[in-house]
N, C-alpha and C. Protein backbone atom coordinates (compact mmCIF):
# COMPACT_ATOMS: atom_id res chain seq x y z
N UNK A 1 60.50 7.51 -34.57
CA UNK A 1 60.15 8.01 -33.25
C UNK A 1 59.10 9.09 -33.34
N UNK A 2 59.26 10.00 -34.32
CA UNK A 2 58.28 11.06 -34.52
C UNK A 2 56.93 10.47 -34.89
N UNK A 3 56.95 9.42 -35.69
CA UNK A 3 55.70 8.78 -36.13
C UNK A 3 54.96 8.16 -34.94
N UNK A 4 55.78 7.55 -34.10
CA UNK A 4 55.15 6.94 -32.93
C UNK A 4 54.51 8.00 -32.03
N UNK A 5 55.18 9.15 -31.88
CA UNK A 5 54.64 10.21 -31.04
C UNK A 5 53.35 10.75 -31.61
N UNK A 6 53.29 10.93 -32.95
CA UNK A 6 52.06 11.40 -33.55
C UNK A 6 50.92 10.40 -33.37
N UNK A 7 51.26 9.13 -33.52
CA UNK A 7 50.23 8.10 -33.32
C UNK A 7 49.69 8.13 -31.90
N UNK A 8 50.62 8.29 -30.96
CA UNK A 8 50.19 8.34 -29.56
C UNK A 8 49.33 9.56 -29.31
N UNK A 9 49.74 10.74 -29.86
CA UNK A 9 48.94 11.93 -29.67
C UNK A 9 47.56 11.79 -30.31
N UNK A 10 47.50 11.14 -31.48
CA UNK A 10 46.20 10.93 -32.14
C UNK A 10 45.30 10.04 -31.32
N UNK A 11 45.88 8.99 -30.76
CA UNK A 11 45.08 8.09 -29.92
C UNK A 11 44.61 8.82 -28.68
N UNK A 12 45.50 9.64 -28.10
CA UNK A 12 45.12 10.40 -26.92
C UNK A 12 43.99 11.37 -27.24
N UNK A 13 44.03 11.99 -28.40
CA UNK A 13 42.96 12.91 -28.79
C UNK A 13 41.63 12.22 -28.94
N UNK A 14 41.64 11.02 -29.54
CA UNK A 14 40.39 10.28 -29.68
C UNK A 14 39.85 9.87 -28.32
N UNK A 15 40.75 9.48 -27.42
CA UNK A 15 40.30 9.10 -26.07
C UNK A 15 39.71 10.30 -25.34
N UNK A 16 40.36 11.46 -25.48
CA UNK A 16 39.86 12.66 -24.80
C UNK A 16 38.48 13.04 -25.32
N UNK A 17 38.25 12.92 -26.66
CA UNK A 17 36.93 13.22 -27.22
C UNK A 17 35.89 12.25 -26.70
N UNK A 18 36.27 10.98 -26.55
CA UNK A 18 35.32 10.00 -26.00
C UNK A 18 34.97 10.34 -24.57
N UNK A 19 35.97 10.78 -23.82
CA UNK A 19 35.72 11.15 -22.42
C UNK A 19 34.79 12.36 -22.35
N UNK A 20 35.03 13.36 -23.22
CA UNK A 20 34.16 14.53 -23.23
C UNK A 20 32.74 14.16 -23.62
N UNK A 21 32.59 13.26 -24.55
CA UNK A 21 31.24 12.82 -24.93
C UNK A 21 30.56 12.13 -23.77
N UNK A 22 31.34 11.34 -23.03
CA UNK A 22 30.76 10.65 -21.88
C UNK A 22 30.30 11.63 -20.81
N UNK A 23 31.08 12.71 -20.64
CA UNK A 23 30.70 13.71 -19.65
C UNK A 23 29.40 14.42 -20.01
N UNK A 24 29.06 14.45 -21.29
CA UNK A 24 27.84 15.15 -21.71
C UNK A 24 26.59 14.32 -21.48
N UNK A 25 26.73 13.02 -21.13
CA UNK A 25 25.56 12.19 -20.91
C UNK A 25 24.86 12.64 -19.64
N UNK A 26 23.50 12.52 -19.64
CA UNK A 26 22.77 12.81 -18.42
C UNK A 26 22.80 11.59 -17.51
N UNK A 27 22.28 11.75 -16.29
CA UNK A 27 22.39 10.68 -15.29
C UNK A 27 21.76 9.37 -15.72
N UNK A 28 20.52 9.35 -16.30
CA UNK A 28 19.95 8.06 -16.73
C UNK A 28 20.83 7.33 -17.72
N UNK A 29 21.45 8.06 -18.64
CA UNK A 29 22.29 7.40 -19.63
C UNK A 29 23.52 6.82 -18.96
N UNK A 30 24.13 7.60 -18.05
CA UNK A 30 25.30 7.10 -17.34
C UNK A 30 24.95 5.86 -16.54
N UNK A 31 23.75 5.87 -15.92
CA UNK A 31 23.32 4.70 -15.15
C UNK A 31 23.14 3.49 -16.05
N UNK A 32 22.61 3.71 -17.23
CA UNK A 32 22.45 2.60 -18.17
C UNK A 32 23.80 2.04 -18.57
N UNK A 33 24.77 2.93 -18.78
CA UNK A 33 26.11 2.47 -19.13
C UNK A 33 26.72 1.71 -17.97
N UNK A 34 26.46 2.20 -16.73
CA UNK A 34 26.96 1.49 -15.56
C UNK A 34 26.42 0.08 -15.49
N UNK A 35 25.12 -0.08 -15.79
CA UNK A 35 24.53 -1.42 -15.76
C UNK A 35 25.20 -2.32 -16.79
N UNK A 36 25.50 -1.76 -17.95
CA UNK A 36 26.16 -2.55 -18.98
C UNK A 36 27.56 -2.92 -18.55
N UNK A 37 28.27 -2.01 -17.87
CA UNK A 37 29.61 -2.31 -17.40
C UNK A 37 29.59 -3.45 -16.39
N UNK A 38 28.59 -3.40 -15.49
CA UNK A 38 28.47 -4.47 -14.50
C UNK A 38 28.21 -5.81 -15.18
N UNK A 39 27.43 -5.77 -16.27
CA UNK A 39 27.12 -7.01 -16.99
C UNK A 39 28.29 -7.48 -17.84
N UNK A 40 29.36 -6.73 -17.88
CA UNK A 40 30.52 -7.15 -18.64
C UNK A 40 30.54 -6.65 -20.06
N UNK A 41 29.68 -5.68 -20.38
CA UNK A 41 29.65 -5.14 -21.73
C UNK A 41 30.40 -3.84 -21.75
N UNK A 42 31.31 -3.67 -22.71
CA UNK A 42 32.12 -2.46 -22.78
C UNK A 42 31.26 -1.29 -23.21
N UNK A 43 31.34 -0.18 -22.46
CA UNK A 43 30.56 1.01 -22.78
C UNK A 43 31.43 2.12 -23.34
N UNK A 44 32.74 1.95 -23.29
CA UNK A 44 33.66 2.97 -23.78
C UNK A 44 34.30 2.47 -25.05
N UNK A 45 34.32 3.22 -26.13
CA UNK A 45 34.94 2.77 -27.37
C UNK A 45 36.39 2.37 -27.13
N UNK A 46 36.81 1.36 -27.83
CA UNK A 46 38.17 0.85 -27.66
C UNK A 46 39.16 1.75 -28.37
N UNK A 47 39.31 2.97 -27.87
CA UNK A 47 40.20 3.94 -28.50
C UNK A 47 41.64 3.71 -28.09
N UNK A 48 41.89 2.82 -27.16
CA UNK A 48 43.26 2.61 -26.70
C UNK A 48 43.90 1.38 -27.28
N UNK A 49 43.36 0.82 -28.36
CA UNK A 49 43.89 -0.42 -28.90
C UNK A 49 45.31 -0.28 -29.42
N UNK A 50 45.66 0.92 -29.90
CA UNK A 50 46.97 1.10 -30.51
C UNK A 50 47.93 1.84 -29.60
N UNK A 51 47.57 2.01 -28.37
CA UNK A 51 48.44 2.77 -27.47
C UNK A 51 49.74 2.03 -27.20
N UNK A 52 49.71 0.71 -27.23
CA UNK A 52 50.89 -0.06 -26.91
C UNK A 52 52.01 0.13 -27.92
N UNK A 53 51.81 0.90 -29.00
CA UNK A 53 52.89 1.17 -29.94
C UNK A 53 54.02 1.92 -29.27
N UNK A 54 53.68 2.71 -28.25
CA UNK A 54 54.71 3.45 -27.53
C UNK A 54 54.63 3.03 -26.07
N UNK A 55 55.56 2.23 -25.65
CA UNK A 55 55.49 1.69 -24.30
C UNK A 55 55.72 2.72 -23.23
N UNK A 56 56.34 3.86 -23.59
CA UNK A 56 56.60 4.89 -22.58
C UNK A 56 55.39 5.81 -22.38
N UNK A 57 54.62 6.04 -23.43
CA UNK A 57 53.53 7.00 -23.37
C UNK A 57 52.17 6.31 -23.28
N UNK A 58 52.05 5.20 -24.07
CA UNK A 58 50.74 4.56 -24.20
C UNK A 58 50.09 4.19 -22.89
N UNK A 59 50.74 3.43 -22.04
CA UNK A 59 50.08 3.03 -20.80
C UNK A 59 49.65 4.20 -19.94
N UNK A 60 50.43 5.31 -19.98
CA UNK A 60 50.04 6.47 -19.19
C UNK A 60 48.75 7.07 -19.74
N UNK A 61 48.65 7.22 -21.05
CA UNK A 61 47.43 7.76 -21.65
C UNK A 61 46.24 6.86 -21.38
N UNK A 62 46.43 5.57 -21.53
CA UNK A 62 45.33 4.62 -21.29
C UNK A 62 44.83 4.73 -19.86
N UNK A 63 45.74 4.85 -18.94
CA UNK A 63 45.35 4.95 -17.54
C UNK A 63 44.53 6.21 -17.29
N UNK A 64 44.88 7.31 -17.87
CA UNK A 64 44.16 8.57 -17.67
C UNK A 64 42.75 8.51 -18.28
N UNK A 65 42.64 7.87 -19.41
CA UNK A 65 41.33 7.79 -20.05
C UNK A 65 40.40 6.86 -19.28
N UNK A 66 40.93 5.78 -18.73
CA UNK A 66 40.09 4.82 -18.03
C UNK A 66 39.67 5.32 -16.65
N UNK A 67 40.45 6.22 -16.04
CA UNK A 67 40.09 6.72 -14.72
C UNK A 67 38.84 7.58 -14.76
N UNK A 68 38.67 8.35 -15.82
CA UNK A 68 37.51 9.25 -15.90
C UNK A 68 36.20 8.50 -15.89
N UNK A 69 36.00 7.45 -16.71
CA UNK A 69 34.74 6.71 -16.63
C UNK A 69 34.49 6.12 -15.24
N UNK A 70 35.54 5.67 -14.57
CA UNK A 70 35.34 5.13 -13.23
C UNK A 70 34.78 6.18 -12.29
N UNK A 71 35.22 7.41 -12.44
CA UNK A 71 34.67 8.50 -11.64
C UNK A 71 33.19 8.71 -11.96
N UNK A 72 32.84 8.61 -13.26
CA UNK A 72 31.44 8.74 -13.65
C UNK A 72 30.61 7.64 -13.01
N UNK A 73 31.12 6.41 -13.02
CA UNK A 73 30.36 5.30 -12.42
C UNK A 73 30.15 5.54 -10.93
N UNK A 74 31.20 6.02 -10.26
CA UNK A 74 31.09 6.25 -8.82
C UNK A 74 30.07 7.34 -8.51
N UNK A 75 30.10 8.43 -9.31
CA UNK A 75 29.14 9.50 -9.10
C UNK A 75 27.72 9.03 -9.37
N UNK A 76 27.56 8.21 -10.41
CA UNK A 76 26.23 7.68 -10.73
C UNK A 76 25.71 6.83 -9.59
N UNK A 77 26.56 5.96 -9.05
CA UNK A 77 26.14 5.08 -7.96
C UNK A 77 25.74 5.89 -6.74
N UNK A 78 26.53 6.95 -6.44
CA UNK A 78 26.19 7.80 -5.31
C UNK A 78 24.87 8.52 -5.51
N UNK A 79 24.59 8.95 -6.76
CA UNK A 79 23.33 9.64 -7.02
C UNK A 79 22.15 8.70 -6.86
N UNK A 80 22.31 7.44 -7.27
CA UNK A 80 21.23 6.46 -7.11
C UNK A 80 20.96 6.20 -5.64
N UNK A 81 22.05 6.02 -4.86
CA UNK A 81 21.86 5.78 -3.44
C UNK A 81 21.23 6.98 -2.75
N UNK A 82 21.60 8.19 -3.19
CA UNK A 82 21.01 9.38 -2.61
C UNK A 82 19.52 9.48 -2.92
N UNK A 83 19.13 9.10 -4.15
CA UNK A 83 17.71 9.15 -4.52
C UNK A 83 16.91 8.14 -3.72
N UNK A 84 17.50 6.97 -3.44
CA UNK A 84 16.80 5.99 -2.61
C UNK A 84 16.56 6.53 -1.21
N UNK A 85 17.50 7.30 -0.69
CA UNK A 85 17.33 7.83 0.66
C UNK A 85 16.21 8.84 0.74
N UNK A 86 15.79 9.42 -0.41
CA UNK A 86 14.71 10.39 -0.42
C UNK A 86 13.34 9.75 -0.46
N UNK A 87 13.27 8.43 -0.75
CA UNK A 87 11.98 7.74 -0.80
C UNK A 87 11.47 7.54 0.62
N UNK A 88 10.26 8.02 0.92
CA UNK A 88 9.76 7.88 2.30
C UNK A 88 9.56 6.42 2.67
N UNK A 89 9.88 6.03 3.88
CA UNK A 89 9.69 4.64 4.28
C UNK A 89 8.22 4.27 4.34
N UNK A 90 7.94 2.99 4.08
CA UNK A 90 6.58 2.49 4.17
C UNK A 90 6.26 2.20 5.64
N UNK A 91 5.29 2.88 6.15
CA UNK A 91 4.94 2.73 7.55
C UNK A 91 4.07 1.49 7.75
N UNK A 92 4.36 0.74 8.77
CA UNK A 92 3.57 -0.45 9.07
C UNK A 92 2.18 -0.05 9.55
N UNK A 93 1.19 -0.85 9.16
CA UNK A 93 -0.17 -0.59 9.60
C UNK A 93 -0.28 -0.85 11.10
N UNK A 94 -0.69 0.15 11.88
CA UNK A 94 -0.80 -0.09 13.32
C UNK A 94 -1.92 -1.08 13.62
N UNK A 95 -1.80 -1.76 14.77
CA UNK A 95 -2.84 -2.70 15.18
C UNK A 95 -4.13 -1.95 15.50
N UNK A 96 -5.26 -2.61 15.18
CA UNK A 96 -6.56 -2.04 15.52
C UNK A 96 -6.90 -2.32 16.98
N UNK A 97 -7.61 -1.39 17.58
CA UNK A 97 -8.11 -1.57 18.94
C UNK A 97 -9.55 -1.06 18.98
N UNK A 98 -10.18 -1.19 20.14
CA UNK A 98 -11.55 -0.68 20.27
C UNK A 98 -11.59 0.83 20.09
N UNK A 99 -10.47 1.51 20.37
CA UNK A 99 -10.43 2.96 20.17
C UNK A 99 -10.48 3.32 18.68
N UNK A 100 -10.12 2.39 17.80
CA UNK A 100 -10.11 2.66 16.36
C UNK A 100 -11.52 2.94 15.83
N UNK A 101 -12.55 2.41 16.49
CA UNK A 101 -13.91 2.57 15.99
C UNK A 101 -14.81 3.33 16.96
N UNK A 102 -14.24 3.87 18.00
CA UNK A 102 -15.08 4.57 18.98
C UNK A 102 -15.78 5.76 18.32
N UNK A 103 -17.06 5.90 18.61
CA UNK A 103 -17.87 6.94 18.01
C UNK A 103 -19.17 6.37 17.47
N UNK A 104 -19.90 7.17 16.72
CA UNK A 104 -21.22 6.77 16.20
C UNK A 104 -21.12 6.44 14.71
N UNK A 105 -21.74 5.33 14.34
CA UNK A 105 -21.73 4.84 12.96
C UNK A 105 -23.16 4.70 12.47
N UNK A 106 -23.38 5.09 11.23
CA UNK A 106 -24.66 4.84 10.57
C UNK A 106 -24.57 3.51 9.83
N UNK A 107 -25.63 2.71 9.90
CA UNK A 107 -25.56 1.40 9.25
C UNK A 107 -26.88 1.09 8.54
N UNK A 108 -26.79 0.20 7.57
CA UNK A 108 -27.97 -0.35 6.88
C UNK A 108 -27.76 -1.84 6.73
N UNK A 109 -28.85 -2.59 6.92
CA UNK A 109 -28.79 -4.06 6.92
C UNK A 109 -29.99 -4.60 6.17
N UNK A 110 -29.77 -5.67 5.43
CA UNK A 110 -30.86 -6.41 4.79
C UNK A 110 -30.65 -7.90 5.04
N UNK A 111 -31.77 -8.65 5.08
CA UNK A 111 -31.66 -10.08 5.28
C UNK A 111 -33.02 -10.71 5.47
N UNK A 112 -33.03 -11.85 6.09
CA UNK A 112 -34.28 -12.56 6.39
C UNK A 112 -34.30 -12.95 7.85
N UNK A 113 -35.50 -12.96 8.43
CA UNK A 113 -35.65 -13.28 9.84
C UNK A 113 -36.70 -14.38 9.99
N UNK A 114 -36.49 -15.34 10.90
CA UNK A 114 -37.51 -16.37 11.12
C UNK A 114 -38.81 -15.74 11.63
N UNK A 115 -39.93 -16.24 11.15
CA UNK A 115 -41.24 -15.75 11.58
C UNK A 115 -41.84 -16.70 12.61
N UNK A 116 -42.66 -16.17 13.50
CA UNK A 116 -43.23 -17.04 14.54
C UNK A 116 -44.35 -17.92 14.04
N UNK A 117 -44.89 -17.66 12.85
CA UNK A 117 -46.04 -18.45 12.39
C UNK A 117 -46.07 -18.48 10.87
N UNK A 118 -47.02 -19.26 10.29
CA UNK A 118 -47.22 -19.34 8.85
C UNK A 118 -47.69 -17.97 8.35
N UNK A 119 -47.68 -17.71 7.05
CA UNK A 119 -47.54 -18.72 6.00
C UNK A 119 -46.09 -19.03 5.59
N UNK A 120 -45.10 -18.19 5.95
CA UNK A 120 -43.73 -18.44 5.51
C UNK A 120 -42.83 -18.60 6.73
N UNK A 121 -41.82 -19.48 6.64
CA UNK A 121 -40.93 -19.67 7.80
C UNK A 121 -40.00 -18.48 8.05
N UNK A 122 -39.75 -17.68 7.01
CA UNK A 122 -38.89 -16.50 7.16
C UNK A 122 -39.54 -15.31 6.48
N UNK A 123 -39.09 -14.12 6.84
CA UNK A 123 -39.58 -12.89 6.22
C UNK A 123 -38.39 -11.99 5.91
N UNK A 124 -38.41 -11.32 4.77
CA UNK A 124 -37.32 -10.39 4.47
C UNK A 124 -37.44 -9.15 5.35
N UNK A 125 -36.31 -8.55 5.63
CA UNK A 125 -36.33 -7.31 6.41
C UNK A 125 -35.20 -6.39 5.96
N UNK A 126 -35.38 -5.13 6.26
CA UNK A 126 -34.35 -4.11 6.04
C UNK A 126 -34.42 -3.13 7.19
N UNK A 127 -33.26 -2.63 7.58
CA UNK A 127 -33.24 -1.65 8.67
C UNK A 127 -32.09 -0.68 8.47
N UNK A 128 -32.27 0.49 9.04
CA UNK A 128 -31.20 1.50 9.11
C UNK A 128 -31.19 2.04 10.52
N UNK A 129 -30.02 2.44 10.99
CA UNK A 129 -29.95 2.94 12.35
C UNK A 129 -28.59 3.50 12.68
N UNK A 130 -28.38 3.72 13.95
CA UNK A 130 -27.13 4.28 14.48
C UNK A 130 -26.58 3.33 15.53
N UNK A 131 -25.28 3.10 15.45
CA UNK A 131 -24.58 2.24 16.40
C UNK A 131 -23.43 3.06 17.00
N UNK A 132 -23.40 3.14 18.31
CA UNK A 132 -22.36 3.91 18.99
C UNK A 132 -21.45 2.97 19.77
N UNK A 133 -20.16 3.04 19.47
CA UNK A 133 -19.15 2.28 20.20
C UNK A 133 -18.60 3.19 21.31
N UNK A 134 -18.74 2.73 22.55
CA UNK A 134 -18.39 3.54 23.70
C UNK A 134 -17.14 2.98 24.38
N UNK A 135 -16.77 3.58 25.48
CA UNK A 135 -15.61 3.11 26.24
C UNK A 135 -15.92 1.78 26.92
N UNK A 136 -14.82 1.10 27.28
CA UNK A 136 -14.92 -0.16 28.01
C UNK A 136 -15.66 -1.22 27.21
N UNK A 137 -15.56 -1.15 25.87
CA UNK A 137 -16.16 -2.15 24.97
C UNK A 137 -17.67 -2.25 25.13
N UNK A 138 -18.29 -1.13 25.47
CA UNK A 138 -19.75 -1.07 25.54
C UNK A 138 -20.27 -0.38 24.28
N UNK A 139 -21.53 -0.67 23.91
CA UNK A 139 -22.11 -0.07 22.71
C UNK A 139 -23.63 0.07 22.90
N UNK A 140 -24.22 0.78 21.97
CA UNK A 140 -25.68 0.95 21.99
C UNK A 140 -26.14 1.23 20.57
N UNK A 141 -27.38 0.87 20.27
CA UNK A 141 -27.90 1.10 18.93
C UNK A 141 -29.38 1.43 18.97
N UNK A 142 -29.78 2.21 17.99
CA UNK A 142 -31.19 2.48 17.73
C UNK A 142 -31.41 2.29 16.24
N UNK A 143 -32.59 1.85 15.83
CA UNK A 143 -32.82 1.60 14.41
C UNK A 143 -34.31 1.56 14.11
N UNK A 144 -34.62 1.69 12.83
CA UNK A 144 -35.97 1.50 12.31
C UNK A 144 -35.92 0.32 11.36
N UNK A 145 -36.88 -0.61 11.50
CA UNK A 145 -36.86 -1.85 10.75
C UNK A 145 -38.19 -2.05 10.02
N UNK A 146 -38.09 -2.66 8.86
CA UNK A 146 -39.27 -3.13 8.13
C UNK A 146 -39.07 -4.62 7.89
N UNK A 147 -39.95 -5.43 8.49
CA UNK A 147 -39.86 -6.89 8.36
C UNK A 147 -41.19 -7.42 7.88
N UNK A 148 -41.18 -8.03 6.72
CA UNK A 148 -42.40 -8.60 6.17
C UNK A 148 -43.48 -7.57 5.92
N UNK A 149 -43.11 -6.34 5.65
CA UNK A 149 -44.09 -5.29 5.39
C UNK A 149 -44.56 -4.56 6.62
N UNK A 150 -44.06 -4.90 7.79
CA UNK A 150 -44.43 -4.21 9.02
C UNK A 150 -43.21 -3.46 9.56
N UNK A 151 -43.44 -2.25 9.99
CA UNK A 151 -42.33 -1.39 10.39
C UNK A 151 -42.47 -0.95 11.84
N UNK A 152 -41.33 -0.82 12.54
CA UNK A 152 -41.32 -0.30 13.90
C UNK A 152 -39.90 0.17 14.27
N UNK A 153 -39.83 0.90 15.34
CA UNK A 153 -38.55 1.38 15.87
C UNK A 153 -38.12 0.48 17.02
N UNK A 154 -36.80 0.34 17.18
CA UNK A 154 -36.30 -0.49 18.27
C UNK A 154 -34.92 0.02 18.70
N UNK A 155 -34.40 -0.59 19.74
CA UNK A 155 -33.08 -0.24 20.26
C UNK A 155 -32.50 -1.43 21.00
N UNK A 156 -31.23 -1.32 21.35
CA UNK A 156 -30.57 -2.42 22.04
C UNK A 156 -30.87 -2.35 23.54
N UNK A 157 -30.90 -3.53 24.13
CA UNK A 157 -31.06 -3.63 25.58
C UNK A 157 -29.68 -3.75 26.22
N UNK A 158 -28.88 -4.68 25.72
CA UNK A 158 -27.47 -4.81 26.13
C UNK A 158 -26.63 -4.85 24.86
N UNK A 159 -25.38 -4.40 24.97
CA UNK A 159 -24.52 -4.38 23.78
C UNK A 159 -23.06 -4.31 24.21
N UNK A 160 -22.25 -5.26 23.77
CA UNK A 160 -20.82 -5.28 24.01
C UNK A 160 -20.10 -5.65 22.71
N UNK A 161 -18.83 -5.33 22.62
CA UNK A 161 -18.07 -5.66 21.41
C UNK A 161 -16.60 -5.86 21.75
N UNK A 162 -15.87 -6.45 20.82
CA UNK A 162 -14.42 -6.62 20.95
C UNK A 162 -13.79 -6.47 19.57
N UNK A 163 -12.56 -5.98 19.54
CA UNK A 163 -11.82 -5.74 18.29
C UNK A 163 -10.48 -6.46 18.37
N UNK A 164 -10.14 -7.18 17.30
CA UNK A 164 -8.85 -7.84 17.22
C UNK A 164 -7.84 -6.94 16.51
N UNK A 165 -6.56 -7.27 16.67
CA UNK A 165 -5.51 -6.44 16.08
C UNK A 165 -5.58 -6.40 14.56
N UNK A 166 -6.14 -7.45 13.93
CA UNK A 166 -6.21 -7.48 12.46
C UNK A 166 -7.41 -6.73 11.90
N UNK A 167 -8.21 -6.11 12.77
CA UNK A 167 -9.35 -5.31 12.31
C UNK A 167 -10.67 -6.06 12.28
N UNK A 168 -10.69 -7.30 12.69
CA UNK A 168 -11.96 -8.03 12.79
C UNK A 168 -12.52 -7.86 14.20
N UNK A 169 -13.81 -8.09 14.33
CA UNK A 169 -14.42 -7.93 15.65
C UNK A 169 -15.76 -8.64 15.74
N UNK A 170 -16.26 -8.70 16.97
CA UNK A 170 -17.54 -9.36 17.25
C UNK A 170 -18.36 -8.43 18.14
N UNK A 171 -19.65 -8.35 17.83
CA UNK A 171 -20.59 -7.57 18.64
C UNK A 171 -21.72 -8.49 19.09
N UNK A 172 -22.05 -8.40 20.36
CA UNK A 172 -23.16 -9.17 20.93
C UNK A 172 -24.16 -8.20 21.55
N UNK A 173 -25.45 -8.40 21.22
CA UNK A 173 -26.48 -7.49 21.73
C UNK A 173 -27.80 -8.21 21.87
N UNK A 174 -28.59 -7.74 22.78
CA UNK A 174 -30.00 -8.15 22.86
C UNK A 174 -30.84 -6.93 22.53
N UNK A 175 -31.99 -7.17 21.88
CA UNK A 175 -32.83 -6.08 21.38
C UNK A 175 -34.16 -6.02 22.15
N UNK A 176 -34.65 -4.83 22.29
CA UNK A 176 -35.98 -4.68 22.89
C UNK A 176 -37.00 -5.34 21.96
N UNK A 177 -37.90 -6.21 22.47
CA UNK A 177 -38.84 -6.94 21.60
C UNK A 177 -39.70 -5.99 20.76
N UNK A 178 -39.95 -6.41 19.51
CA UNK A 178 -40.82 -5.66 18.62
C UNK A 178 -41.93 -6.54 18.10
N UNK A 179 -42.42 -6.23 16.91
CA UNK A 179 -43.50 -7.03 16.33
C UNK A 179 -43.04 -8.44 16.05
N UNK A 180 -41.74 -8.58 15.64
CA UNK A 180 -41.17 -9.90 15.45
C UNK A 180 -40.15 -10.14 16.56
N UNK A 181 -40.11 -11.30 17.14
CA UNK A 181 -39.13 -11.59 18.20
C UNK A 181 -37.75 -11.90 17.60
N UNK A 182 -36.92 -10.87 17.46
CA UNK A 182 -35.57 -11.09 16.95
C UNK A 182 -34.72 -11.80 18.01
N UNK A 183 -33.97 -12.83 17.60
CA UNK A 183 -33.07 -13.49 18.56
C UNK A 183 -31.90 -12.57 18.91
N UNK A 184 -31.16 -12.89 19.97
CA UNK A 184 -29.98 -12.08 20.31
C UNK A 184 -29.06 -11.91 19.10
N UNK A 185 -28.54 -10.71 19.01
CA UNK A 185 -27.70 -10.36 17.86
C UNK A 185 -26.25 -10.78 18.09
N UNK A 186 -25.69 -11.51 17.13
CA UNK A 186 -24.26 -11.84 17.12
C UNK A 186 -23.73 -11.36 15.77
N UNK A 187 -22.87 -10.37 15.83
CA UNK A 187 -22.41 -9.69 14.61
C UNK A 187 -20.91 -9.87 14.46
N UNK A 188 -20.49 -10.28 13.28
CA UNK A 188 -19.07 -10.32 12.94
C UNK A 188 -18.79 -9.17 11.98
N UNK A 189 -17.76 -8.36 12.29
CA UNK A 189 -17.49 -7.22 11.43
C UNK A 189 -16.00 -7.13 11.09
N UNK A 190 -15.72 -6.42 10.01
CA UNK A 190 -14.35 -6.19 9.54
C UNK A 190 -14.18 -4.69 9.31
N UNK A 191 -13.15 -4.13 9.89
CA UNK A 191 -12.85 -2.71 9.68
C UNK A 191 -12.15 -2.56 8.33
N UNK A 192 -12.79 -1.85 7.41
CA UNK A 192 -12.18 -1.62 6.10
C UNK A 192 -11.15 -0.50 6.20
N UNK A 193 -11.55 0.61 6.76
CA UNK A 193 -10.65 1.73 7.04
C UNK A 193 -11.30 2.59 8.12
N UNK A 194 -10.77 3.76 8.34
CA UNK A 194 -11.20 4.59 9.47
C UNK A 194 -12.69 4.90 9.45
N UNK A 195 -13.32 4.89 8.28
CA UNK A 195 -14.71 5.33 8.16
C UNK A 195 -15.67 4.28 7.63
N UNK A 196 -15.25 3.02 7.51
CA UNK A 196 -16.14 2.02 6.92
C UNK A 196 -15.89 0.64 7.53
N UNK A 197 -16.99 -0.12 7.70
CA UNK A 197 -16.91 -1.50 8.15
C UNK A 197 -17.93 -2.35 7.40
N UNK A 198 -17.61 -3.63 7.22
CA UNK A 198 -18.55 -4.61 6.70
C UNK A 198 -18.98 -5.52 7.86
N UNK A 199 -20.22 -6.00 7.80
CA UNK A 199 -20.70 -6.84 8.90
C UNK A 199 -21.72 -7.86 8.40
N UNK A 200 -21.74 -9.01 9.08
CA UNK A 200 -22.77 -10.02 8.86
C UNK A 200 -23.23 -10.55 10.21
N UNK A 201 -24.45 -11.05 10.25
CA UNK A 201 -24.93 -11.72 11.45
C UNK A 201 -24.55 -13.19 11.38
N UNK A 202 -24.13 -13.75 12.51
CA UNK A 202 -23.75 -15.16 12.57
C UNK A 202 -24.70 -15.95 13.47
N UNK A 203 -25.89 -15.40 13.72
CA UNK A 203 -26.93 -16.08 14.49
C UNK A 203 -27.98 -16.62 13.52
N UNK A 204 -29.12 -17.11 13.96
CA UNK A 204 -30.13 -17.66 13.03
C UNK A 204 -30.69 -16.66 12.04
N UNK A 205 -30.48 -15.36 12.26
CA UNK A 205 -30.94 -14.35 11.29
C UNK A 205 -29.87 -14.18 10.22
N UNK A 206 -30.25 -14.35 8.96
CA UNK A 206 -29.30 -14.18 7.85
C UNK A 206 -29.36 -12.73 7.41
N UNK A 207 -28.25 -12.01 7.57
CA UNK A 207 -28.25 -10.59 7.22
C UNK A 207 -26.81 -10.11 7.05
N UNK A 208 -26.65 -9.05 6.26
CA UNK A 208 -25.36 -8.40 6.08
C UNK A 208 -25.59 -6.91 5.92
N UNK A 209 -24.56 -6.13 6.22
CA UNK A 209 -24.72 -4.69 6.12
C UNK A 209 -23.39 -3.97 6.07
N UNK A 210 -23.47 -2.66 5.93
CA UNK A 210 -22.31 -1.79 5.86
C UNK A 210 -22.48 -0.68 6.89
N UNK A 211 -21.39 -0.34 7.56
CA UNK A 211 -21.39 0.74 8.53
C UNK A 211 -20.45 1.85 8.07
N UNK A 212 -20.90 3.09 8.22
CA UNK A 212 -20.08 4.25 7.89
C UNK A 212 -20.04 5.18 9.09
N UNK A 213 -18.85 5.68 9.37
CA UNK A 213 -18.71 6.60 10.50
C UNK A 213 -19.54 7.86 10.23
N UNK A 214 -20.31 8.25 11.22
CA UNK A 214 -21.17 9.42 11.06
C UNK A 214 -20.38 10.70 11.31
N UNK A 215 -20.52 11.66 10.39
CA UNK A 215 -19.83 12.93 10.51
C UNK A 215 -20.85 14.05 10.28
N UNK A 216 -20.68 15.22 10.92
CA UNK A 216 -21.61 16.32 10.71
C UNK A 216 -21.47 16.91 9.31
């Protein structure tokens, strides 16, 4: 009987040391052990294998040793859930409207324009200017252009635009005649972010450009 009691006390001591070692683990280690427990892998040394030698004491000791790790698992799970609650939610991108681009934008465009006469059917051109998006889907622009080596200033005669919720849009404008008769402007644009847009012409003039919001 005395031998059995000593064996039980020895087993209890080994279990208590294992529990104390477990308590010294930091949270990542405890979480790793929790994952292993969920996967069915034992994370606690089998220090209770010989407890059944004493049917009166063994089961009680085994129960006490096994309860402590369960508390560790519960605390670990609560800490993980608490850390998730601290992660800021991902905000949905709001829909774009005409108000998203209201203001003045600087732009540059390059492309080719049909010529009214020989020797070439088209001429390269480049222009820079300012485009202002106003209320009620109205707009206006002024620019300086160089086409085929000839340069002049111009502006829009009429100008309207529309913006879709996905950030795409269309601009339609007629231009005051210059040295070259530019056809009515039909522009397709994409809002990249608050300060930048990409655009191409979808009329007989082949051209593309970039717009940046103008700031002082």
